[in-house]
Amino acid sequence: MQLIEDGREPVDLRTTPLHLGPGSRARPVQGFSWAPEALEAYTEAVAADGAEGRLVTIFDGDGPGEHAERHPAGDEVVICLSGRVRVVRHPDDPGNPGASGDEVVLEPGEATVNPAGVWHTVDTDGPSRMLTITAGLGSEHRPRA
């Protein structure tokens, strides 16, 4: 995993996210993955940006998400690009998506904000694509119950 200093070439946000840092700096993250060692390398590489750093990615989904997550360092924006996306926030029981919480359904072009520190899951109703802008520092993931 490495941050590319000269990001003028096109990148596929599904495989190569962008890191947005202070001063409106944007750098592609080459070799990024959700594997623990890659996430650790990313966190170390952008640690100086602190809570101001953001990770911009595109996800394709089809059905229920596999995990719950939260982002203590800041809010996360989820934007539906195609299909239908359901975001369920469940601050009281992170392992149980049916626990107390709220649900928002996004159609193409719609967005929602997951507040900092709130556990949430993301599901799709059929093939869907979403763009996320995430405060990556300290993000946590847990398998769904």
C-alpha atoms as a PDB file:
ATOM      1  CA  MET A   1       0.000   0.000   0.000  1.00  0.00           C
ATOM      2  CA  GLN A   2       1.328   3.417  -0.910  1.00  0.00           C
ATOM      3  CA  LEU A   3       0.061   6.930  -1.401  1.00  0.00           C
ATOM      4  CA  ILE A   4       0.671   8.235  -4.916  1.00  0.00           C
ATOM      5  CA  GLU A   5       1.986  11.797  -4.872  1.00  0.00           C
ATOM      6  CA  ASP A   6       1.180  12.540  -8.536  1.00  0.00           C
ATOM      7  CA  GLY A   7      -2.461  11.517  -8.922  1.00  0.00           C
ATOM      8  CA  ARG A   8      -3.174  12.948 -12.372  1.00  0.00           C
ATOM      9  CA  GLU A   9      -3.802   9.562 -13.984  1.00  0.00           C
ATOM     10  CA  PRO A  10      -7.338   8.100 -13.816  1.00  0.00           C
ATOM     11  CA  VAL A  11      -8.056   5.743 -10.924  1.00  0.00           C
ATOM     12  CA  ASP A  12     -10.894   3.297 -10.405  1.00  0.00           C
ATOM     13  CA  LEU A  13     -12.337   4.221  -7.004  1.00  0.00           C
ATOM     14  CA  ARG A  14     -13.600   0.649  -6.605  1.00  0.00           C
ATOM     15  CA  THR A  15     -10.015  -0.621  -6.350  1.00  0.00           C
ATOM     16  CA  THR A  16      -7.918   2.499  -5.711  1.00  0.00           C
ATOM     17  CA  PRO A  17      -9.514   4.888  -3.229  1.00  0.00           C
ATOM     18  CA  LEU A  18      -8.437   8.487  -2.738  1.00  0.00           C
ATOM     19  CA  HIS A  19      -7.137   9.887   0.512  1.00  0.00           C
ATOM     20  CA  LEU A  20      -8.209  13.496   1.120  1.00  0.00           C
ATOM     21  CA  GLY A  21      -5.957  15.330   3.530  1.00  0.00           C
ATOM     22  CA  PRO A  22      -5.637  18.791   5.012  1.00  0.00           C
ATOM     23  CA  GLY A  23      -5.055  21.628   2.591  1.00  0.00           C
ATOM     24  CA  SER A  24      -7.352  20.018  -0.016  1.00  0.00           C
ATOM     25  CA  ARG A  25      -4.689  17.432  -0.848  1.00  0.00           C
ATOM     26  CA  ALA A  26      -5.903  14.307  -2.706  1.00  0.00           C
ATOM     27  CA  ARG A  27      -3.733  11.217  -3.221  1.00  0.00           C
ATOM     28  CA  PRO A  28      -4.645   7.815  -4.710  1.00  0.00           C
ATOM     29  CA  VAL A  29      -4.045   4.855  -2.370  1.00  0.00           C
ATOM     30  CA  GLN A  30      -2.408   2.195  -4.511  1.00  0.00           C
ATOM     31  CA  GLY A  31      -2.586  -1.391  -3.233  1.00  0.00           C
ATOM     32  CA  PHE A  32      -5.374  -0.635  -0.753  1.00  0.00           C
ATOM     33  CA  SER A  33      -7.489  -3.477   0.608  1.00  0.00           C
ATOM     34  CA  TRP A  34      -9.672  -4.186   3.620  1.00  0.00           C
ATOM     35  CA  ALA A  35      -7.164  -6.743   4.936  1.00  0.00           C
ATOM     36  CA  PRO A  36      -5.982  -5.833   8.461  1.00  0.00           C
ATOM     37  CA  GLU A  37      -2.342  -5.382   7.383  1.00  0.00           C
ATOM     38  CA  ALA A  38      -3.311  -3.031   4.509  1.00  0.00           C
ATOM     39  CA  LEU A  39      -5.582  -1.011   6.795  1.00  0.00           C
ATOM     40  CA  GLU A  40      -2.757  -0.737   9.320  1.00  0.00           C
ATOM     41  CA  ALA A  41      -0.348   0.456   6.604  1.00  0.00           C
ATOM     42  CA  TYR A  42      -2.915   3.019   5.402  1.00  0.00           C
ATOM     43  CA  THR A  43      -3.491   4.285   8.961  1.00  0.00           C
ATOM     44  CA  GLU A  44       0.264   4.690   9.501  1.00  0.00           C
ATOM     45  CA  ALA A  45       0.755   6.420   6.146  1.00  0.00           C
ATOM     46  CA  VAL A  46      -1.911   9.068   6.865  1.00  0.00           C
ATOM     47  CA  ALA A  47      -1.529   9.369  10.645  1.00  0.00           C
ATOM     48  CA  ALA A  48      -0.199  12.941  10.389  1.00  0.00           C
ATOM     49  CA  ASP A  49      -3.547  14.016   8.885  1.00  0.00           C
ATOM     50  CA  GLY A  50      -5.320  12.973  12.084  1.00  0.00           C
ATOM     51  CA  ALA A  51      -9.082  13.324  12.166  1.00  0.00           C
ATOM     52  CA  GLU A  52      -9.046  15.594   9.094  1.00  0.00           C
ATOM     53  CA  GLY A  53      -8.141  12.774   6.668  1.00  0.00           C
ATOM     54  CA  ARG A  54     -10.891  11.145   4.573  1.00  0.00           C
ATOM     55  CA  LEU A  55     -11.026   7.998   2.438  1.00  0.00           C
ATOM     56  CA  VAL A  56     -13.123   8.195  -0.746  1.00  0.00           C
ATOM     57  CA  THR A  57     -14.230   4.856  -2.204  1.00  0.00           C
ATOM     58  CA  ILE A  58     -16.862   3.309  -4.447  1.00  0.00           C
ATOM     59  CA  PHE A  59     -18.514   0.042  -3.421  1.00  0.00           C
ATOM     60  CA  ASP A  60     -20.663  -2.334  -5.419  1.00  0.00           C
ATOM     61  CA  GLY A  61     -23.134  -4.387  -3.418  1.00  0.00           C
ATOM     62  CA  ASP A  62     -25.949  -6.851  -3.862  1.00  0.00           C
ATOM     63  CA  GLY A  63     -27.684  -7.813  -0.630  1.00  0.00           C
ATOM     64  CA  PRO A  64     -26.899  -7.478   3.049  1.00  0.00           C
ATOM     65  CA  GLY A  65     -23.550  -6.086   4.162  1.00  0.00           C
ATOM     66  CA  GLU A  66     -21.186  -8.416   5.971  1.00  0.00           C
ATOM     67  CA  HIS A  67     -20.231  -6.166   8.871  1.00  0.00           C
ATOM     68  CA  ALA A  68     -21.167  -3.294  11.140  1.00  0.00           C
ATOM     69  CA  GLU A  69     -18.784  -0.365  11.384  1.00  0.00           C
ATOM     70  CA  ARG A  70     -18.224   2.963  13.064  1.00  0.00           C
ATOM     71  CA  HIS A  71     -15.864   5.875  12.538  1.00  0.00           C
ATOM     72  CA  PRO A  72     -14.947   7.611  15.824  1.00  0.00           C
ATOM     73  CA  ALA A  73     -12.812  10.310  14.126  1.00  0.00           C
ATOM     74  CA  GLY A  74     -15.637  11.897  12.152  1.00  0.00           C
ATOM     75  CA  ASP A  75     -18.794  11.622  10.116  1.00  0.00           C
ATOM     76  CA  GLU A  76     -19.163   9.362   7.081  1.00  0.00           C
ATOM     77  CA  VAL A  77     -21.106  10.320   3.956  1.00  0.00           C
ATOM     78  CA  VAL A  78     -22.824   7.531   1.970  1.00  0.00           C
ATOM     79  CA  ILE A  79     -24.082   8.433  -1.518  1.00  0.00           C
ATOM     80  CA  CYS A  80     -26.178   6.048  -3.625  1.00  0.00           C
ATOM     81  CA  LEU A  81     -24.965   6.093  -7.227  1.00  0.00           C
ATOM     82  CA  SER A  82     -27.217   3.332  -8.563  1.00  0.00           C
ATOM     83  CA  GLY A  83     -29.725   0.822  -7.236  1.00  0.00           C
ATOM     84  CA  ARG A  84     -31.149   1.169  -3.735  1.00  0.00           C
ATOM     85  CA  VAL A  85     -29.088   1.403  -0.537  1.00  0.00           C
ATOM     86  CA  ARG A  86     -30.326   0.981   3.044  1.00  0.00           C
ATOM     87  CA  VAL A  87     -28.241   2.405   5.880  1.00  0.00           C
ATOM     88  CA  VAL A  88     -29.187   1.219   9.362  1.00  0.00           C
ATOM     89  CA  ARG A  89     -27.743   3.011  12.363  1.00  0.00           C
ATOM     90  CA  HIS A  90     -27.849   1.015  15.577  1.00  0.00           C
ATOM     91  CA  PRO A  91     -25.971   2.767  18.352  1.00  0.00           C
ATOM     92  CA  ASP A  92     -27.284   0.482  21.095  1.00  0.00           C
ATOM     93  CA  ASP A  93     -26.325  -2.962  19.763  1.00  0.00           C
ATOM     94  CA  PRO A  94     -23.622  -3.075  17.051  1.00  0.00           C
ATOM     95  CA  GLY A  95     -23.965  -6.802  16.477  1.00  0.00           C
ATOM     96  CA  ASN A  96     -27.709  -6.780  15.899  1.00  0.00           C
ATOM     97  CA  PRO A  97     -28.925  -4.742  12.915  1.00  0.00           C
ATOM     98  CA  GLY A  98     -32.520  -5.165  14.080  1.00  0.00           C
ATOM     99  CA  ALA A  99     -31.831  -3.485  17.419  1.00  0.00           C
ATOM    100  CA  SER A 100     -32.998   0.013  18.200  1.00  0.00           C
ATOM    101  CA  GLY A 101     -31.844   2.432  15.557  1.00  0.00           C
ATOM    102  CA  ASP A 102     -32.954   4.247  12.477  1.00  0.00           C
ATOM    103  CA  GLU A 103     -32.953   3.273   8.817  1.00  0.00           C
ATOM    104  CA  VAL A 104     -32.645   5.502   5.779  1.00  0.00           C
ATOM    105  CA  VAL A 105     -33.246   4.314   2.211  1.00  0.00           C
ATOM    106  CA  LEU A 106     -31.228   5.984  -0.530  1.00  0.00           C
ATOM    107  CA  GLU A 107     -32.135   6.166  -4.201  1.00  0.00           C
ATOM    108  CA  PRO A 108     -29.617   7.247  -6.896  1.00  0.00           C
ATOM    109  CA  GLY A 109     -28.260  10.697  -6.185  1.00  0.00           C
ATOM    110  CA  GLU A 110     -29.303  10.689  -2.512  1.00  0.00           C
ATOM    111  CA  ALA A 111     -26.923  10.792   0.455  1.00  0.00           C
ATOM    112  CA  THR A 112     -26.950  10.384   4.213  1.00  0.00           C
ATOM    113  CA  VAL A 113     -24.497  11.141   7.000  1.00  0.00           C
ATOM    114  CA  ASN A 114     -23.492   8.548   9.572  1.00  0.00           C
ATOM    115  CA  PRO A 115     -22.504  10.549  12.662  1.00  0.00           C
ATOM    116  CA  ALA A 116     -19.087   9.991  14.185  1.00  0.00           C
ATOM    117  CA  GLY A 117     -18.942   6.980  16.484  1.00  0.00           C
ATOM    118  CA  VAL A 118     -22.350   5.511  15.580  1.00  0.00           C
ATOM    119  CA  TRP A 119     -22.405   1.840  14.584  1.00  0.00           C
ATOM    120  CA  HIS A 120     -24.100   1.219  11.241  1.00  0.00           C
ATOM    121  CA  THR A 121     -24.633  -1.380   8.541  1.00  0.00           C
ATOM    122  CA  VAL A 122     -25.183  -0.888   4.827  1.00  0.00           C
ATOM    123  CA  ASP A 123     -27.422  -3.181   2.780  1.00  0.00           C
ATOM    124  CA  THR A 124     -28.459  -3.042  -0.857  1.00  0.00           C
ATOM    125  CA  ASP A 125     -31.728  -4.073  -2.451  1.00  0.00           C
ATOM    126  CA  GLY A 126     -30.328  -5.727  -5.557  1.00  0.00           C
ATOM    127  CA  PRO A 127     -27.229  -4.617  -7.476  1.00  0.00           C
ATOM    128  CA  SER A 128     -26.206  -1.176  -6.247  1.00  0.00           C
ATOM    129  CA  ARG A 129     -23.241   1.165  -6.239  1.00  0.00           C
ATOM    130  CA  MET A 130     -22.370   3.715  -3.564  1.00  0.00           C
ATOM    131  CA  LEU A 131     -19.708   6.331  -2.958  1.00  0.00           C
ATOM    132  CA  THR A 132     -18.439   6.802   0.598  1.00  0.00           C
ATOM    133  CA  ILE A 133     -16.396   9.581   2.158  1.00  0.00           C
ATOM    134  CA  THR A 134     -15.122   8.234   5.441  1.00  0.00           C
ATOM    135  CA  ALA A 135     -13.080   9.517   8.351  1.00  0.00           C
ATOM    136  CA  GLY A 136     -10.785   6.507   8.285  1.00  0.00           C
ATOM    137  CA  LEU A 137      -8.718   7.141  11.403  1.00  0.00           C
ATOM    138  CA  GLY A 138      -9.708   4.617  14.047  1.00  0.00           C
ATOM    139  CA  SER A 139     -12.527   3.018  12.048  1.00  0.00           C
ATOM    140  CA  GLU A 140     -13.825  -0.222  13.547  1.00  0.00           C
ATOM    141  CA  HIS A 141     -15.512  -3.196  11.864  1.00  0.00           C
ATOM    142  CA  ARG A 142     -17.401  -6.119  13.430  1.00  0.00           C
ATOM    143  CA  PRO A 143     -19.059  -9.116  11.781  1.00  0.00           C
ATOM    144  CA  ARG A 144     -22.849  -8.957  11.677  1.00  0.00           C
ATOM    145  CA  ALA A 145     -24.720 -11.203  14.078  1.00  0.00           C
END
